[in-house]
C-alpha atoms as a PDB file:
ATOM      1  CA  MET A   1      27.396   5.972  47.781  1.00  0.00           C
ATOM      2  CA  LEU A   2      28.517   5.533  44.179  1.00  0.00           C
ATOM      3  CA  ASN A   3      25.360   3.595  43.325  1.00  0.00           C
ATOM      4  CA  PHE A   4      23.168   6.315  44.813  1.00  0.00           C
ATOM      5  CA  TYR A   5      24.981   8.968  42.801  1.00  0.00           C
ATOM      6  CA  LEU A   6      24.642   6.986  39.556  1.00  0.00           C
ATOM      7  CA  ILE A   7      20.961   6.293  40.164  1.00  0.00           C
ATOM      8  CA  LYS A   8      20.295   9.963  40.843  1.00  0.00           C
ATOM      9  CA  LEU A   9      22.211  10.993  37.710  1.00  0.00           C
ATOM     10  CA  TYR A  10      20.447   8.377  35.556  1.00  0.00           C
ATOM     11  CA  ILE A  11      16.950   9.262  36.781  1.00  0.00           C
ATOM     12  CA  ARG A  12      17.597  12.948  36.182  1.00  0.00           C
ATOM     13  CA  GLN A  13      18.696  12.201  32.613  1.00  0.00           C
ATOM     14  CA  ILE A  14      15.671   9.945  32.052  1.00  0.00           C
ATOM     15  CA  LEU A  15      13.238  12.625  33.187  1.00  0.00           C
ATOM     16  CA  THR A  16      14.874  15.293  31.038  1.00  0.00           C
ATOM     17  CA  ILE A  17      14.911  13.198  27.867  1.00  0.00           C
ATOM     18  CA  PHE A  18      11.520  11.597  28.492  1.00  0.00           C
ATOM     19  CA  ILE A  19       9.744  14.927  29.015  1.00  0.00           C
ATOM     20  CA  ALA A  20      11.392  16.380  25.917  1.00  0.00           C
ATOM     21  CA  LEU A  21      10.400  13.423  23.738  1.00  0.00           C
ATOM     22  CA  GLU A  22       6.860  13.360  25.132  1.00  0.00           C
ATOM     23  CA  ILE A  23       6.294  17.056  24.452  1.00  0.00           C
ATOM     24  CA  PHE A  24       7.779  16.730  20.974  1.00  0.00           C
ATOM     25  CA  TYR A  25       5.653  13.682  20.068  1.00  0.00           C
ATOM     26  CA  ALA A  26       2.416  15.014  21.565  1.00  0.00           C
ATOM     27  CA  GLY A  27       3.003  18.484  20.133  1.00  0.00           C
ATOM     28  CA  ILE A  28       3.470  17.207  16.586  1.00  0.00           C
ATOM     29  CA  ASP A  29       0.442  14.918  16.900  1.00  0.00           C
ATOM     30  CA  PHE A  30      -1.746  17.664  18.389  1.00  0.00           C
ATOM     31  CA  ILE A  31      -0.857  20.108  15.609  1.00  0.00           C
ATOM     32  CA  GLY A  32      -1.677  17.503  12.970  1.00  0.00           C
ATOM     33  CA  ALA A  33      -4.982  16.500  14.591  1.00  0.00           C
ATOM     34  CA  SER A  34      -6.089  19.972  15.711  1.00  0.00           C
ATOM     35  CA  SER A  35      -8.501  20.480  12.820  1.00  0.00           C
ATOM     36  CA  LEU A  36     -10.222  17.137  13.568  1.00  0.00           C
ATOM     37  CA  LEU A  37     -10.697  17.717  17.291  1.00  0.00           C
ATOM     38  CA  PRO A  38     -13.923  19.106  18.814  1.00  0.00           C
ATOM     39  CA  ASP A  39     -13.983  22.715  20.003  1.00  0.00           C
ATOM     40  CA  SER A  40     -14.326  21.692  23.651  1.00  0.00           C
ATOM     41  CA  ALA A  41     -11.221  22.677  25.630  1.00  0.00           C
ATOM     42  CA  ASN A  42     -11.786  19.761  28.034  1.00  0.00           C
ATOM     43  CA  LEU A  43     -11.828  17.211  25.227  1.00  0.00           C
ATOM     44  CA  ARG A  44      -8.733  18.747  23.661  1.00  0.00           C
ATOM     45  CA  LEU A  45      -6.964  18.492  27.006  1.00  0.00           C
ATOM     46  CA  LEU A  46      -8.060  14.864  27.355  1.00  0.00           C
ATOM     47  CA  TYR A  47      -6.799  14.163  23.848  1.00  0.00           C
ATOM     48  CA  ALA A  48      -3.415  15.625  24.748  1.00  0.00           C
ATOM     49  CA  ILE A  49      -3.255  13.488  27.930  1.00  0.00           C
ATOM     50  CA  PHE A  50      -4.205  10.306  26.065  1.00  0.00           C
ATOM     51  CA  THR A  51      -1.650  11.112  23.360  1.00  0.00           C
ATOM     52  CA  LEU A  52       1.073  11.573  25.976  1.00  0.00           C
ATOM     53  CA  GLY A  53       0.183   8.169  27.394  1.00  0.00           C
ATOM     54  CA  THR A  54       0.159   6.554  23.962  1.00  0.00           C
ATOM     55  CA  ALA A  55       3.554   8.061  23.132  1.00  0.00           C
ATOM     56  CA  MET A  56       5.158   6.271  26.080  1.00  0.00           C
ATOM     57  CA  LYS A  57       5.413   3.016  24.155  1.00  0.00           C
ATOM     58  CA  ILE A  58       7.976   4.785  21.945  1.00  0.00           C
ATOM     59  CA  THR A  59       9.432   7.519  24.125  1.00  0.00           C
ATOM     60  CA  LEU A  60       9.961   5.595  27.370  1.00  0.00           C
ATOM     61  CA  PRO A  61      12.269   2.826  26.060  1.00  0.00           C
ATOM     62  CA  LEU A  62      14.217   5.356  23.990  1.00  0.00           C
ATOM     63  CA  SER A  63      14.541   7.607  27.044  1.00  0.00           C
ATOM     64  CA  LEU A  64      16.002   4.748  29.099  1.00  0.00           C
ATOM     65  CA  ILE A  65      18.643   4.065  26.458  1.00  0.00           C
ATOM     66  CA  PHE A  66      19.449   7.680  25.585  1.00  0.00           C
ATOM     67  CA  ALA A  67      19.658   8.578  29.284  1.00  0.00           C
ATOM     68  CA  MET A  68      22.278   5.890  29.828  1.00  0.00           C
ATOM     69  CA  ILE A  69      24.317   7.260  26.925  1.00  0.00           C
ATOM     70  CA  ALA A  70      23.953  10.828  28.222  1.00  0.00           C
ATOM     71  CA  SER A  71      24.901   9.763  31.765  1.00  0.00           C
ATOM     72  CA  LYS A  72      28.041   7.954  30.622  1.00  0.00           C
ATOM     73  CA  ILE A  73      29.105  10.886  28.426  1.00  0.00           C
ATOM     74  CA  TYR A  74      28.610  13.232  31.376  1.00  0.00           C
ATOM     75  CA  LEU A  75      30.753  10.970  33.574  1.00  0.00           C
ATOM     76  CA  ILE A  76      33.453  10.841  30.891  1.00  0.00           C
ATOM     77  CA  ARG A  77      33.518  14.589  30.224  1.00  0.00           C
ATOM     78  CA  THR A  78      33.796  15.392  33.940  1.00  0.00           C
ATOM     79  CA  ASN A  79      36.419  12.630  34.404  1.00  0.00           C
ATOM     80  CA  GLU A  80      34.253  11.148  37.145  1.00  0.00           C
ATOM     81  CA  LEU A  81      34.288   7.771  35.417  1.00  0.00           C
ATOM     82  CA  VAL A  82      38.090   7.613  35.418  1.00  0.00           C
ATOM     83  CA  ILE A  83      38.142   8.664  39.075  1.00  0.00           C
ATOM     84  CA  ALA A  84      35.628   5.937  39.989  1.00  0.00           C
ATOM     85  CA  TYR A  85      37.739   3.295  38.287  1.00  0.00           C
ATOM     86  CA  ALA A  86      40.915   4.678  39.906  1.00  0.00           C
ATOM     87  CA  LEU A  87      39.278   4.311  43.319  1.00  0.00           C
ATOM     88  CA  GLY A  88      38.627   0.633  42.654  1.00  0.00           C
ATOM     89  CA  ALA A  89      35.127   0.616  41.194  1.00  0.00           C
ATOM     90  CA  LYS A  90      34.400  -2.220  38.757  1.00  0.00           C
ATOM     91  CA  LYS A  91      32.640  -1.784  35.437  1.00  0.00           C
ATOM     92  CA  ARG A  92      29.805  -4.011  36.595  1.00  0.00           C
ATOM     93  CA  GLU A  93      29.301  -1.810  39.647  1.00  0.00           C
ATOM     94  CA  ILE A  94      28.885   1.158  37.309  1.00  0.00           C
ATOM     95  CA  LEU A  95      26.511  -0.796  35.038  1.00  0.00           C
ATOM     96  CA  LYS A  96      24.229  -2.305  37.706  1.00  0.00           C
ATOM     97  CA  PRO A  97      22.372   0.942  38.635  1.00  0.00           C
ATOM     98  CA  PHE A  98      21.513   1.456  34.950  1.00  0.00           C
ATOM     99  CA  ILE A  99      20.219  -2.116  34.609  1.00  0.00           C
ATOM    100  CA  LEU A 100      18.261  -1.850  37.866  1.00  0.00           C
ATOM    101  CA  ILE A 101      16.503   1.426  37.093  1.00  0.00           C
ATOM    102  CA  SER A 102      15.775   0.618  33.429  1.00  0.00           C
ATOM    103  CA  SER A 103      14.378  -2.808  34.396  1.00  0.00           C
ATOM    104  CA  ILE A 104      12.176  -1.428  37.204  1.00  0.00           C
ATOM    105  CA  ILE A 105      10.759   1.310  34.973  1.00  0.00           C
ATOM    106  CA  SER A 106      10.139  -1.167  32.141  1.00  0.00           C
ATOM    107  CA  ILE A 107       8.301  -3.569  34.468  1.00  0.00           C
ATOM    108  CA  LEU A 108       6.193  -0.742  35.918  1.00  0.00           C
ATOM    109  CA  TYR A 109       5.310   0.324  32.390  1.00  0.00           C
ATOM    110  CA  ILE A 110       4.195  -3.227  31.560  1.00  0.00           C
ATOM    111  CA  ALA A 111       2.067  -3.232  34.724  1.00  0.00           C
ATOM    112  CA  LEU A 112       0.236  -0.150  33.429  1.00  0.00           C
ATOM    113  CA  TYR A 113      -1.225  -2.378  30.704  1.00  0.00           C
ATOM    114  CA  ALA A 114      -3.314  -4.127  33.331  1.00  0.00           C
ATOM    115  CA  THR A 115      -5.224  -0.824  33.698  1.00  0.00           C
ATOM    116  CA  PRO A 116      -7.302   1.357  31.324  1.00  0.00           C
ATOM    117  CA  PHE A 117      -3.970   2.911  30.294  1.00  0.00           C
ATOM    118  CA  ALA A 118      -3.897   0.211  27.589  1.00  0.00           C
ATOM    119  CA  TYR A 119      -6.779   1.940  25.812  1.00  0.00           C
ATOM    120  CA  PHE A 120      -5.430   5.496  25.798  1.00  0.00           C
ATOM    121  CA  ASP A 121      -4.828   5.341  22.054  1.00  0.00           C
ATOM    122  CA  GLN A 122      -8.413   4.248  21.378  1.00  0.00           C
ATOM    123  CA  MET A 123      -9.737   6.951  23.692  1.00  0.00           C
ATOM    124  CA  ALA A 124      -7.719   9.558  21.809  1.00  0.00           C
ATOM    125  CA  GLN A 125      -9.056   8.267  18.482  1.00  0.00           C
ATOM    126  CA  SER A 126     -12.640   8.340  19.784  1.00  0.00           C
ATOM    127  CA  ILE A 127     -12.219  12.023  20.697  1.00  0.00           C
ATOM    128  CA  LYS A 128     -10.847  12.720  17.221  1.00  0.00           C
ATOM    129  CA  LYS A 129     -13.910  10.994  15.729  1.00  0.00           C
ATOM    130  CA  ASP A 130     -16.229  12.863  18.157  1.00  0.00           C
ATOM    131  CA  LYS A 131     -17.394   9.565  19.706  1.00  0.00           C
ATOM    132  CA  TYR A 132     -15.793   9.821  23.118  1.00  0.00           C
ATOM    133  CA  PHE A 133     -18.988   9.879  25.176  1.00  0.00           C
ATOM    134  CA  VAL A 134     -20.899   7.286  23.132  1.00  0.00           C
ATOM    135  CA  SER A 135     -19.094   4.299  21.687  1.00  0.00           C
ATOM    136  CA  VAL A 136     -21.298   2.003  19.627  1.00  0.00           C
ATOM    137  CA  THR A 137     -20.655  -1.074  17.520  1.00  0.00           C
ATOM    138  CA  LYS A 138     -23.338  -1.996  15.019  1.00  0.00           C
ATOM    139  CA  ASN A 139     -24.551  -5.267  13.514  1.00  0.00           C
ATOM    140  CA  ILE A 140     -22.558  -7.797  15.518  1.00  0.00           C
ATOM    141  CA  PHE A 141     -23.040 -11.448  14.631  1.00  0.00           C
ATOM    142  CA  VAL A 142     -20.984 -13.948  16.665  1.00  0.00           C
ATOM    143  CA  LYS A 143     -21.096 -17.524  17.916  1.00  0.00           C
ATOM    144  CA  TYR A 144     -21.024 -18.231  21.656  1.00  0.00           C
ATOM    145  CA  ASP A 145     -21.332 -21.744  23.078  1.00  0.00           C
ATOM    146  CA  ASN A 146     -24.266 -23.341  21.236  1.00  0.00           C
ATOM    147  CA  SER A 147     -25.811 -20.059  20.183  1.00  0.00           C
ATOM    148  CA  TYR A 148     -25.484 -17.515  17.433  1.00  0.00           C
ATOM    149  CA  ILE A 149     -26.000 -13.961  18.628  1.00  0.00           C
ATOM    150  CA  TYR A 150     -26.982 -10.917  16.612  1.00  0.00           C
ATOM    151  CA  ILE A 151     -26.791  -7.465  18.217  1.00  0.00           C
ATOM    152  CA  GLU A 152     -28.063  -4.478  16.295  1.00  0.00           C
ATOM    153  CA  ARG A 153     -26.219  -1.928  18.452  1.00  0.00           C
ATOM    154  CA  LEU A 154     -23.761  -2.663  21.263  1.00  0.00           C
ATOM    155  CA  PHE A 155     -22.681  -0.009  23.776  1.00  0.00           C
ATOM    156  CA  PRO A 156     -19.610  -1.580  25.468  1.00  0.00           C
ATOM    157  CA  ALA A 157     -18.926   1.325  27.822  1.00  0.00           C
ATOM    158  CA  GLN A 158     -22.519   1.335  29.088  1.00  0.00           C
ATOM    159  CA  LYS A 159     -22.692  -2.494  28.983  1.00  0.00           C
ATOM    160  CA  SER A 160     -25.991  -2.372  27.149  1.00  0.00           C
ATOM    161  CA  ALA A 161     -27.390  -3.404  23.789  1.00  0.00           C
ATOM    162  CA  ILE A 162     -30.346  -2.750  21.514  1.00  0.00           C
ATOM    163  CA  GLY A 163     -31.913  -5.301  19.202  1.00  0.00           C
ATOM    164  CA  VAL A 164     -30.645  -8.628  20.548  1.00  0.00           C
ATOM    165  CA  ARG A 165     -31.416 -11.927  18.799  1.00  0.00           C
ATOM    166  CA  VAL A 166     -30.150 -15.214  20.251  1.00  0.00           C
ATOM    167  CA  PHE A 167     -30.427 -18.303  18.035  1.00  0.00           C
ATOM    168  CA  GLU A 168     -29.981 -21.409  20.190  1.00  0.00           C
ATOM    169  CA  LEU A 169     -28.972 -24.710  18.614  1.00  0.00           C
ATOM    170  CA  ASN A 170     -29.577 -28.255  19.760  1.00  0.00           C
ATOM    171  CA  ASN A 171     -27.373 -30.804  17.951  1.00  0.00           C
ATOM    172  CA  ASP A 172     -26.708 -28.215  15.263  1.00  0.00           C
ATOM    173  CA  VAL A 173     -30.435 -27.710  14.714  1.00  0.00           C
ATOM    174  CA  LEU A 174     -32.201 -24.445  15.557  1.00  0.00           C
ATOM    175  CA  SER A 175     -34.285 -25.044  18.685  1.00  0.00           C
ATOM    176  CA  ARG A 176     -35.403 -21.576  19.725  1.00  0.00           C
ATOM    177  CA  VAL A 177     -34.952 -17.857  19.117  1.00  0.00           C
ATOM    178  CA  ILE A 178     -34.881 -15.283  21.914  1.00  0.00           C
ATOM    179  CA  VAL A 179     -35.721 -11.723  20.890  1.00  0.00           C
ATOM    180  CA  SER A 180     -35.298  -8.552  22.963  1.00  0.00           C
ATOM    181  CA  GLU A 181     -34.995  -4.884  22.101  1.00  0.00           C
ATOM    182  CA  ASN A 182     -33.151  -3.933  25.305  1.00  0.00           C
ATOM    183  CA  ALA A 183     -30.452  -5.803  27.214  1.00  0.00           C
ATOM    184  CA  TYR A 184     -27.968  -5.005  29.978  1.00  0.00           C
ATOM    185  CA  PHE A 185     -24.865  -6.828  31.180  1.00  0.00           C
ATOM    186  CA  SER A 186     -24.388  -7.134  34.933  1.00  0.00           C
ATOM    187  CA  GLN A 187     -23.035  -9.738  37.372  1.00  0.00           C
ATOM    188  CA  ASN A 188     -21.304 -11.492  34.448  1.00  0.00           C
ATOM    189  CA  LYS A 189     -24.522 -12.214  32.535  1.00  0.00           C
ATOM    190  CA  TRP A 190     -26.962 -10.511  30.163  1.00  0.00           C
ATOM    191  CA  THR A 191     -30.450  -9.602  31.253  1.00  0.00           C
ATOM    192  CA  LEU A 192     -32.959  -9.230  28.417  1.00  0.00           C
ATOM    193  CA  TYR A 193     -36.098  -7.128  28.944  1.00  0.00           C
ATOM    194  CA  ASP A 194     -39.594  -7.190  27.410  1.00  0.00           C
ATOM    195  CA  GLY A 195     -38.889  -9.825  24.798  1.00  0.00           C
ATOM    196  CA  LYS A 196     -40.201 -13.100  23.508  1.00  0.00           C
ATOM    197  CA  ILE A 197     -39.028 -16.684  23.121  1.00  0.00           C
ATOM    198  CA  ILE A 198     -39.856 -18.522  19.926  1.00  0.00           C
ATOM    199  CA  ASN A 199     -39.620 -22.289  20.480  1.00  0.00           C
ATOM    200  CA  LYS A 200     -39.150 -24.406  17.374  1.00  0.00           C
ATOM    201  CA  PRO A 201     -39.867 -28.053  18.140  1.00  0.00           C
ATOM    202  CA  LEU A 202     -38.449 -31.001  16.202  1.00  0.00           C
ATOM    203  CA  VAL A 203     -41.388 -31.875  13.986  1.00  0.00           C
ATOM    204  CA  SER A 204     -41.610 -35.434  12.665  1.00  0.00           C
ATOM    205  CA  GLY A 205     -45.100 -35.211  11.263  1.00  0.00           C
ATOM    206  CA  ILE A 206     -48.026 -32.951  10.488  1.00  0.00           C
ATOM    207  CA  GLN A 207     -49.741 -33.883  13.728  1.00  0.00           C
ATOM    208  CA  GLU A 208     -46.940 -32.445  15.870  1.00  0.00           C
ATOM    209  CA  ASP A 209     -47.287 -29.115  17.684  1.00  0.00           C
ATOM    210  CA  GLY A 210     -45.789 -26.163  15.820  1.00  0.00           C
ATOM    211  CA  ILE A 211     -43.931 -23.064  16.906  1.00  0.00           C
ATOM    212  CA  LYS A 212     -44.710 -21.734  20.375  1.00  0.00           C
ATOM    213  CA  ILE A 213     -44.188 -18.123  21.359  1.00  0.00           C
ATOM    214  CA  SER A 214     -43.989 -16.883  24.937  1.00  0.00           C
ATOM    215  CA  ASN A 215     -43.326 -13.388  26.264  1.00  0.00           C
ATOM    216  CA  PHE A 216     -41.126 -12.393  29.174  1.00  0.00           C
ATOM    217  CA  LYS A 217     -40.420  -9.252  31.197  1.00  0.00           C
ATOM    218  CA  GLN A 218     -36.903 -10.241  32.217  1.00  0.00           C
ATOM    219  CA  TYR A 219     -34.688 -13.100  31.123  1.00  0.00           C
ATOM    220  CA  ASP A 220     -31.073 -13.926  32.100  1.00  0.00           C
ATOM    221  CA  ILE A 221     -28.811 -15.481  29.507  1.00  0.00           C
ATOM    222  CA  LEU A 222     -25.254 -15.565  28.008  1.00  0.00           C
ATOM    223  CA  GLU A 223     -23.166 -15.831  31.152  1.00  0.00           C
ATOM    224  CA  GLY A 224     -19.588 -14.597  30.593  1.00  0.00           C
ATOM    225  CA  PHE A 225     -20.404 -12.883  27.296  1.00  0.00           C
ATOM    226  CA  ASP A 226     -18.552  -9.691  28.242  1.00  0.00           C
ATOM    227  CA  PRO A 227     -19.549  -6.781  25.950  1.00  0.00           C
ATOM    228  CA  LYS A 228     -16.176  -5.045  26.243  1.00  0.00           C
ATOM    229  CA  ILE A 229     -14.312  -8.134  25.101  1.00  0.00           C
ATOM    230  CA  VAL A 230     -16.858  -8.875  22.379  1.00  0.00           C
ATOM    231  CA  ASP A 231     -16.491  -5.351  21.050  1.00  0.00           C
ATOM    232  CA  LYS A 232     -12.686  -5.602  21.000  1.00  0.00           C
ATOM    233  CA  ILE A 233     -12.713  -8.955  19.209  1.00  0.00           C
ATOM    234  CA  TYR A 234     -15.372  -7.926  16.696  1.00  0.00           C
ATOM    235  CA  GLU A 235     -13.702  -4.632  15.867  1.00  0.00           C
ATOM    236  CA  GLY A 236     -10.328  -6.367  15.586  1.00  0.00           C
ATOM    237  CA  GLY A 237      -8.506  -3.909  17.869  1.00  0.00           C
ATOM    238  CA  GLY A 238      -4.761  -4.524  18.163  1.00  0.00           C
ATOM    239  CA  SER A 239      -4.289  -3.533  21.794  1.00  0.00           C
ATOM    240  CA  TYR A 240      -5.803  -5.135  24.869  1.00  0.00           C
ATOM    241  CA  SER A 241      -5.229  -4.594  28.524  1.00  0.00           C
ATOM    242  CA  LEU A 242      -3.524  -7.639  30.007  1.00  0.00           C
ATOM    243  CA  ILE A 243      -6.587  -8.528  32.078  1.00  0.00           C
ATOM    244  CA  ASP A 244      -8.968  -8.204  29.129  1.00  0.00           C
ATOM    245  CA  ALA A 245      -6.588 -10.162  26.909  1.00  0.00           C
ATOM    246  CA  PHE A 246      -6.527 -13.139  29.292  1.00  0.00           C
ATOM    247  CA  ASP A 247     -10.322 -12.955  29.683  1.00  0.00           C
ATOM    248  CA  ALA A 248     -10.707 -12.901  25.902  1.00  0.00           C
ATOM    249  CA  ILE A 249      -8.445 -15.948  25.539  1.00  0.00           C
ATOM    250  CA  LEU A 250     -10.499 -17.876  28.101  1.00  0.00           C
ATOM    251  CA  MET A 251     -13.725 -16.923  26.335  1.00  0.00           C
ATOM    252  CA  LEU A 252     -12.477 -17.706  22.821  1.00  0.00           C
ATOM    253  CA  LYS A 253     -10.865 -21.017  23.760  1.00  0.00           C
ATOM    254  CA  LYS A 254     -14.269 -22.265  24.848  1.00  0.00           C
ATOM    255  CA  GLN A 255     -15.488 -21.479  21.334  1.00  0.00           C
ATOM    256  CA  ASN A 256     -12.419 -23.058  19.666  1.00  0.00           C
ATOM    257  CA  ALA A 257     -11.775 -19.682  18.046  1.00  0.00           C
ATOM    258  CA  ASN A 258      -8.454 -18.278  16.846  1.00  0.00           C
ATOM    259  CA  ILE A 259      -6.565 -16.464  19.599  1.00  0.00           C
ATOM    260  CA  ASP A 260      -3.355 -15.634  17.697  1.00  0.00           C
ATOM    261  CA  LYS A 261      -3.943 -11.858  17.601  1.00  0.00           C
ATOM    262  CA  ILE A 262      -4.651 -11.702  21.317  1.00  0.00           C
ATOM    263  CA  VAL A 263      -1.570 -13.753  22.122  1.00  0.00           C
ATOM    264  CA  SER A 264       0.438 -11.393  19.904  1.00  0.00           C
ATOM    265  CA  SER A 265      -0.930  -8.453  21.879  1.00  0.00           C
ATOM    266  CA  ILE A 266       0.142 -10.023  25.196  1.00  0.00           C
ATOM    267  CA  VAL A 267       3.591 -11.004  23.930  1.00  0.00           C
ATOM    268  CA  THR A 268       4.404  -7.617  22.421  1.00  0.00           C
ATOM    269  CA  THR A 269       3.080  -5.778  25.478  1.00  0.00           C
ATOM    270  CA  VAL A 270       5.310  -7.789  27.818  1.00  0.00           C
ATOM    271  CA  VAL A 271       8.403  -8.327  25.657  1.00  0.00           C
ATOM    272  CA  ILE A 272       8.944  -5.063  23.767  1.00  0.00           C
ATOM    273  CA  PRO A 273       9.598  -2.802  26.817  1.00  0.00           C
ATOM    274  CA  LEU A 274      12.214  -5.277  28.065  1.00  0.00           C
ATOM    275  CA  PHE A 275      14.405  -4.619  25.037  1.00  0.00           C
ATOM    276  CA  ALA A 276      15.551  -1.342  26.607  1.00  0.00           C
ATOM    277  CA  PRO A 277      17.562  -2.827  29.534  1.00  0.00           C
ATOM    278  CA  LEU A 278      19.211  -5.289  27.131  1.00  0.00           C
ATOM    279  CA  ILE A 279      20.273  -2.561  24.723  1.00  0.00           C
ATOM    280  CA  VAL A 280      21.566  -0.561  27.708  1.00  0.00           C
ATOM    281  CA  ILE A 281      23.936  -3.432  28.544  1.00  0.00           C
ATOM    282  CA  ILE A 282      25.166  -3.810  24.964  1.00  0.00           C
ATOM    283  CA  ILE A 283      25.850  -0.098  24.435  1.00  0.00           C
ATOM    284  CA  PHE A 284      27.507   0.181  27.860  1.00  0.00           C
ATOM    285  CA  PHE A 285      30.091  -2.398  26.792  1.00  0.00           C
ATOM    286  CA  PHE A 286      31.292  -0.163  23.959  1.00  0.00           C
ATOM    287  CA  VAL A 287      31.282   3.128  25.882  1.00  0.00           C
ATOM    288  CA  PRO A 288      34.907   4.382  26.252  1.00  0.00           C
ATOM    289  CA  ILE A 289      36.405   5.129  29.642  1.00  0.00           C
ATOM    290  CA  SER A 290      37.959   8.418  28.571  1.00  0.00           C
ATOM    291  CA  SER A 291      37.438  10.909  25.758  1.00  0.00           C
ATOM    292  CA  ARG A 292      41.168  11.016  25.117  1.00  0.00           C
ATOM    293  CA  PHE A 293      41.100   8.054  22.731  1.00  0.00           C
ATOM    294  CA  PHE A 294      37.580   8.377  21.354  1.00  0.00           C
ATOM    295  CA  ASN A 295      35.478  10.986  19.619  1.00  0.00           C
ATOM    296  CA  LEU A 296      32.522  11.165  22.010  1.00  0.00           C
ATOM    297  CA  THR A 297      30.364  13.119  19.573  1.00  0.00           C
ATOM    298  CA  LEU A 298      30.843  10.496  16.881  1.00  0.00           C
ATOM    299  CA  PHE A 299      30.291   7.670  19.368  1.00  0.00           C
ATOM    300  CA  SER A 300      27.088   9.143  20.815  1.00  0.00           C
ATOM    301  CA  SER A 301      25.720   9.868  17.318  1.00  0.00           C
ATOM    302  CA  GLY A 302      26.453   6.307  16.237  1.00  0.00           C
ATOM    303  CA  ALA A 303      24.909   4.837  19.382  1.00  0.00           C
ATOM    304  CA  ILE A 304      21.752   6.908  18.965  1.00  0.00           C
ATOM    305  CA  PHE A 305      21.483   6.002  15.281  1.00  0.00           C
ATOM    306  CA  LEU A 306      21.896   2.279  15.944  1.00  0.00           C
ATOM    307  CA  THR A 307      19.405   2.471  18.824  1.00  0.00           C
ATOM    308  CA  LEU A 308      16.804   4.133  16.602  1.00  0.00           C
ATOM    309  CA  ALA A 309      17.423   1.608  13.821  1.00  0.00           C
ATOM    310  CA  ALA A 310      17.129  -1.390  16.167  1.00  0.00           C
ATOM    311  CA  TRP A 311      14.120   0.043  17.961  1.00  0.00           C
ATOM    312  CA  GLY A 312      12.431   0.948  14.669  1.00  0.00           C
ATOM    313  CA  PHE A 313      12.834  -2.613  13.441  1.00  0.00           C
ATOM    314  CA  LEU A 314      11.511  -4.114  16.680  1.00  0.00           C
ATOM    315  CA  PHE A 315       8.575  -1.725  16.846  1.00  0.00           C
ATOM    316  CA  ALA A 316       7.682  -2.441  13.206  1.00  0.00           C
ATOM    317  CA  MET A 317       7.792  -6.201  13.844  1.00  0.00           C
ATOM    318  CA  ALA A 318       5.587  -5.774  16.920  1.00  0.00           C
ATOM    319  CA  THR A 319       3.040  -3.776  14.928  1.00  0.00           C
ATOM    320  CA  LEU A 320       2.998  -6.312  12.087  1.00  0.00           C
ATOM    321  CA  SER A 321       2.595  -9.202  14.518  1.00  0.00           C
ATOM    322  CA  GLN A 322      -0.363  -7.508  16.217  1.00  0.00           C
ATOM    323  CA  ASN A 323      -1.973  -7.129  12.784  1.00  0.00           C
ATOM    324  CA  ASP A 324      -1.391 -10.878  12.255  1.00  0.00           C
ATOM    325  CA  THR A 325       0.887 -10.137   9.286  1.00  0.00           C
ATOM    326  CA  VAL A 326       3.931 -11.948  10.700  1.00  0.00           C
ATOM    327  CA  ASN A 327       4.354 -14.610  13.362  1.00  0.00           C
ATOM    328  CA  VAL A 328       4.936 -12.990  16.757  1.00  0.00           C
ATOM    329  CA  TRP A 329       7.273 -15.764  17.898  1.00  0.00           C
ATOM    330  CA  LEU A 330       9.575 -15.261  14.927  1.00  0.00           C
ATOM    331  CA  ALA A 331       9.259 -11.480  14.617  1.00  0.00           C
ATOM    332  CA  VAL A 332       9.348 -10.463  18.291  1.00  0.00           C
ATOM    333  CA  VAL A 333      10.299 -13.327  20.600  1.00  0.00           C
ATOM    334  CA  ALA A 334      13.172 -14.666  18.483  1.00  0.00           C
ATOM    335  CA  PRO A 335      14.930 -11.245  18.247  1.00  0.00           C
ATOM    336  CA  PHE A 336      14.346 -10.765  21.984  1.00  0.00           C
ATOM    337  CA  VAL A 337      15.977 -14.115  22.802  1.00  0.00           C
ATOM    338  CA  LEU A 338      18.883 -13.306  20.479  1.00  0.00           C
ATOM    339  CA  LEU A 339      19.294  -9.878  22.071  1.00  0.00           C
ATOM    340  CA  PHE A 340      19.054 -11.378  25.563  1.00  0.00           C
ATOM    341  CA  PHE A 341      21.921 -13.805  24.968  1.00  0.00           C
ATOM    342  CA  THR A 342      23.935 -11.069  23.233  1.00  0.00           C
ATOM    343  CA  ALA A 343      23.474  -8.808  26.260  1.00  0.00           C
ATOM    344  CA  LEU A 344      24.343 -11.716  28.584  1.00  0.00           C
ATOM    345  CA  PHE A 345      27.523 -12.363  26.582  1.00  0.00           C
ATOM    346  CA  PHE A 346      28.658  -8.733  26.842  1.00  0.00           C
ATOM    347  CA  TYR A 347      27.674  -8.556  30.520  1.00  0.00           C
ATOM    348  CA  LYS A 348      29.942 -11.515  31.289  1.00  0.00           C
ATOM    349  CA  LYS A 349      32.781  -9.846  29.388  1.00  0.00           C
ATOM    350  CA  ILE A 350      32.455  -6.715  31.518  1.00  0.00           C
ATOM    351  CA  SER A 351      34.876  -7.111  34.423  1.00  0.00           C
END
């Protein structure tokens, strides 16, 4: 019964604080970006929705922590906390509902990054740049397996390309060039249309046959060369969905390419939201039982300030690691491990 009451109180506080922070963040952002947005009411609404989703990476963890502080202060002011302890409740019994709910919400939030939710920020930026309906990346030149690929214009959303040139190598020597003006990606491979194949033989003498050119109507090539992943890697985007990130790692490892930025994206996506339950445990340890011996206003102000300072540092480190400025294992994972053992230490001290 006590657990149900605490869960209900905590969820109510989370919703109140989360909605307030979301509206504040999205409202400030919308006012600042209003002059850059298209006149379409639908696109402006979409921008607001995408901004609300993007804001969750900041507002949701803070809401979980602030809601715990607000819930405990409410219990102290109404003397319900003292009554619960007087009736035999243990501190850990009071803490467990907060850990449970904050952990479940954090894990559900991480799961959202396996969906297009991960790209809400990019969708919002594309609306601001008036490129929401047509996203195009120009002049791509990448290596894939034993080929070098040039794409004049890539449309990742439509999974199509214009002006494709594939330079195939044999023992590091150019063997043939495949040219096509139109290509589409389907069933995990590219299909080139109305192009030509230029075969360059290994010539050892003047008597050898020269270049041979053949035309084709349809030609399948580049299996696994996913345009969405190629676009993300080429543009150097910092955020990936978890599924796309793992696909990109598999693709890049075959090419012996650097995967540090993608690993950083996965680590920060998974680790950063889990800081909230740990901070909840640490702050809970210092929350007083009664307001008689503590200044609750001063305590809550200090707890909020320290939460913002800690979260600001962690968020800054996560951003820098995704930009490959600092090592993700030192900047994000190491503080997480330290915080985990700190929270475990305080949890064991709570009777």
